[in-house]
Amino acid sequence: MYVSNWTFRPAPGKHAEVIENSKKMAEFWKKYGANECHLMNLQGADVGSMSFVAMFDNAEGYGKANDALVADPEVQAILATVTSNGDWVRHNLARAIF
């Protein structure tokens, strides 16, 4: 399994927009090869932030999906609005060991 995980801190009053944009992005990730996508509220050190996770069989699947997303003008339009809804905190890629 290969996981791409974005942590995002929504701006005040923008929580609903983040959820709607994440739903749209999940559909695009699935269209281009993600097995699952989830949006989660975080607790602990990143309380108040949200995490968007896209899961793949392997790094190759992630790479192909990512390349397709970058080339999709609809995705780029959504991403242009995302930056006005809060701040990116981090992006992590993880490969399952077992």
C-alpha atoms as a PDB file:
ATOM      1  CA  MET A   1       0.000   0.000   0.000  1.00  0.00           C
ATOM      2  CA  TYR A   2       1.126   3.549  -0.752  1.00  0.00           C
ATOM      3  CA  VAL A   3      -0.484   6.534   0.985  1.00  0.00           C
ATOM      4  CA  SER A   4      -0.444  10.219   0.141  1.00  0.00           C
ATOM      5  CA  ASN A   5      -1.459  12.392   3.095  1.00  0.00           C
ATOM      6  CA  TRP A   6      -2.024  16.172   3.032  1.00  0.00           C
ATOM      7  CA  THR A   7      -2.537  18.140   6.221  1.00  0.00           C
ATOM      8  CA  PHE A   8      -4.503  21.363   5.800  1.00  0.00           C
ATOM      9  CA  ARG A   9      -5.549  24.035   8.316  1.00  0.00           C
ATOM     10  CA  PRO A  10      -8.907  25.542   7.250  1.00  0.00           C
ATOM     11  CA  ALA A  11      -9.308  29.309   7.548  1.00  0.00           C
ATOM     12  CA  PRO A  12     -11.992  30.474   9.992  1.00  0.00           C
ATOM     13  CA  GLY A  13     -15.434  30.007   8.456  1.00  0.00           C
ATOM     14  CA  LYS A  14     -14.104  27.894   5.542  1.00  0.00           C
ATOM     15  CA  HIS A  15     -14.651  24.402   6.974  1.00  0.00           C
ATOM     16  CA  ALA A  16     -17.618  23.651   4.674  1.00  0.00           C
ATOM     17  CA  GLU A  17     -15.691  24.753   1.572  1.00  0.00           C
ATOM     18  CA  VAL A  18     -12.764  22.516   2.521  1.00  0.00           C
ATOM     19  CA  ILE A  19     -15.116  19.544   2.849  1.00  0.00           C
ATOM     20  CA  GLU A  20     -16.784  20.229  -0.516  1.00  0.00           C
ATOM     21  CA  ASN A  21     -13.473  20.708  -2.343  1.00  0.00           C
ATOM     22  CA  SER A  22     -12.095  17.557  -0.716  1.00  0.00           C
ATOM     23  CA  LYS A  23     -15.110  15.566  -1.922  1.00  0.00           C
ATOM     24  CA  LYS A  24     -14.455  16.810  -5.464  1.00  0.00           C
ATOM     25  CA  MET A  25     -10.761  15.997  -5.218  1.00  0.00           C
ATOM     26  CA  ALA A  26     -11.525  12.517  -3.877  1.00  0.00           C
ATOM     27  CA  GLU A  27     -13.592  11.804  -6.988  1.00  0.00           C
ATOM     28  CA  PHE A  28     -10.718  12.887  -9.228  1.00  0.00           C
ATOM     29  CA  TRP A  29      -8.178  10.826  -7.278  1.00  0.00           C
ATOM     30  CA  LYS A  30     -10.446   7.774  -7.585  1.00  0.00           C
ATOM     31  CA  LYS A  31     -11.012   8.474 -11.281  1.00  0.00           C
ATOM     32  CA  TYR A  32      -7.251   8.386 -11.809  1.00  0.00           C
ATOM     33  CA  GLY A  33      -6.499   5.328  -9.694  1.00  0.00           C
ATOM     34  CA  ALA A  34      -6.818   5.817  -5.933  1.00  0.00           C
ATOM     35  CA  ASN A  35      -8.349   2.850  -4.127  1.00  0.00           C
ATOM     36  CA  GLU A  36      -9.727   4.970  -1.283  1.00  0.00           C
ATOM     37  CA  CYS A  37      -9.807   8.611  -0.198  1.00  0.00           C
ATOM     38  CA  HIS A  38     -10.682   9.997   3.226  1.00  0.00           C
ATOM     39  CA  LEU A  39     -10.942  13.415   4.853  1.00  0.00           C
ATOM     40  CA  MET A  40     -10.347  13.424   8.604  1.00  0.00           C
ATOM     41  CA  ASN A  41     -10.419  15.954  11.416  1.00  0.00           C
ATOM     42  CA  LEU A  42      -7.159  15.802  13.338  1.00  0.00           C
ATOM     43  CA  GLN A  43      -6.651  15.845  17.072  1.00  0.00           C
ATOM     44  CA  GLY A  44      -3.464  16.052  19.102  1.00  0.00           C
ATOM     45  CA  ALA A  45      -0.589  18.204  17.805  1.00  0.00           C
ATOM     46  CA  ASP A  46      -2.520  19.254  14.687  1.00  0.00           C
ATOM     47  CA  VAL A  47      -5.883  19.895  16.346  1.00  0.00           C
ATOM     48  CA  GLY A  48      -8.005  22.145  14.146  1.00  0.00           C
ATOM     49  CA  SER A  49      -6.411  20.764  11.005  1.00  0.00           C
ATOM     50  CA  MET A  50      -7.777  18.247   8.531  1.00  0.00           C
ATOM     51  CA  SER A  51      -6.041  15.403   6.738  1.00  0.00           C
ATOM     52  CA  PHE A  52      -6.847  14.248   3.199  1.00  0.00           C
ATOM     53  CA  VAL A  53      -5.592  10.737   2.476  1.00  0.00           C
ATOM     54  CA  ALA A  54      -5.452   8.979  -0.896  1.00  0.00           C
ATOM     55  CA  MET A  55      -4.483   5.281  -0.905  1.00  0.00           C
ATOM     56  CA  PHE A  56      -2.933   3.262  -3.741  1.00  0.00           C
ATOM     57  CA  ASP A  57      -1.632  -0.236  -4.383  1.00  0.00           C
ATOM     58  CA  ASN A  58       1.904   1.071  -4.926  1.00  0.00           C
ATOM     59  CA  ALA A  59       4.028   4.140  -5.682  1.00  0.00           C
ATOM     60  CA  GLU A  60       3.573   3.646  -9.418  1.00  0.00           C
ATOM     61  CA  GLY A  61      -0.204   3.949  -9.032  1.00  0.00           C
ATOM     62  CA  TYR A  62       0.242   7.131  -7.024  1.00  0.00           C
ATOM     63  CA  GLY A  63       2.617   8.572  -9.622  1.00  0.00           C
ATOM     64  CA  LYS A  64       0.277   7.873 -12.521  1.00  0.00           C
ATOM     65  CA  ALA A  65      -2.686   9.386 -10.672  1.00  0.00           C
ATOM     66  CA  ASN A  66      -0.675  12.433  -9.639  1.00  0.00           C
ATOM     67  CA  ASP A  67       0.509  13.003 -13.232  1.00  0.00           C
ATOM     68  CA  ALA A  68      -3.088  12.790 -14.475  1.00  0.00           C
ATOM     69  CA  LEU A  69      -4.302  15.254 -11.830  1.00  0.00           C
ATOM     70  CA  VAL A  70      -1.630  17.795 -12.707  1.00  0.00           C
ATOM     71  CA  ALA A  71      -2.716  17.637 -16.360  1.00  0.00           C
ATOM     72  CA  ASP A  72      -6.457  17.971 -15.622  1.00  0.00           C
ATOM     73  CA  PRO A  73      -7.702  21.587 -15.959  1.00  0.00           C
ATOM     74  CA  GLU A  74     -10.741  20.912 -13.731  1.00  0.00           C
ATOM     75  CA  VAL A  75      -8.446  19.768 -10.936  1.00  0.00           C
ATOM     76  CA  GLN A  76      -6.230  22.816 -11.360  1.00  0.00           C
ATOM     77  CA  ALA A  77      -9.293  25.073 -11.061  1.00  0.00           C
ATOM     78  CA  ILE A  78     -10.264  23.409  -7.771  1.00  0.00           C
ATOM     79  CA  LEU A  79      -6.724  23.691  -6.435  1.00  0.00           C
ATOM     80  CA  ALA A  80      -6.713  27.417  -7.228  1.00  0.00           C
ATOM     81  CA  THR A  81      -9.666  27.898  -4.857  1.00  0.00           C
ATOM     82  CA  VAL A  82      -8.259  25.592  -2.172  1.00  0.00           C
ATOM     83  CA  THR A  83      -5.449  27.991  -1.298  1.00  0.00           C
ATOM     84  CA  SER A  84      -7.970  30.685  -0.359  1.00  0.00           C
ATOM     85  CA  ASN A  85      -9.676  28.324   2.122  1.00  0.00           C
ATOM     86  CA  GLY A  86      -6.743  27.849   4.472  1.00  0.00           C
ATOM     87  CA  ASP A  87      -3.101  26.818   4.712  1.00  0.00           C
ATOM     88  CA  TRP A  88      -1.246  23.686   3.671  1.00  0.00           C
ATOM     89  CA  VAL A  89       0.680  22.335   6.649  1.00  0.00           C
ATOM     90  CA  ARG A  90       2.478  19.332   5.164  1.00  0.00           C
ATOM     91  CA  HIS A  91       2.371  16.475   2.682  1.00  0.00           C
ATOM     92  CA  ASN A  92       3.661  12.992   3.492  1.00  0.00           C
ATOM     93  CA  LEU A  93       4.056   9.889   1.367  1.00  0.00           C
ATOM     94  CA  ALA A  94       4.138   6.522   3.121  1.00  0.00           C
ATOM     95  CA  ARG A  95       4.794   2.970   1.948  1.00  0.00           C
ATOM     96  CA  ALA A  96       3.323   0.121   4.001  1.00  0.00           C
ATOM     97  CA  ILE A  97       5.816  -2.297   5.484  1.00  0.00           C
ATOM     98  CA  PHE A  98       3.228  -4.957   6.438  1.00  0.00           C
END
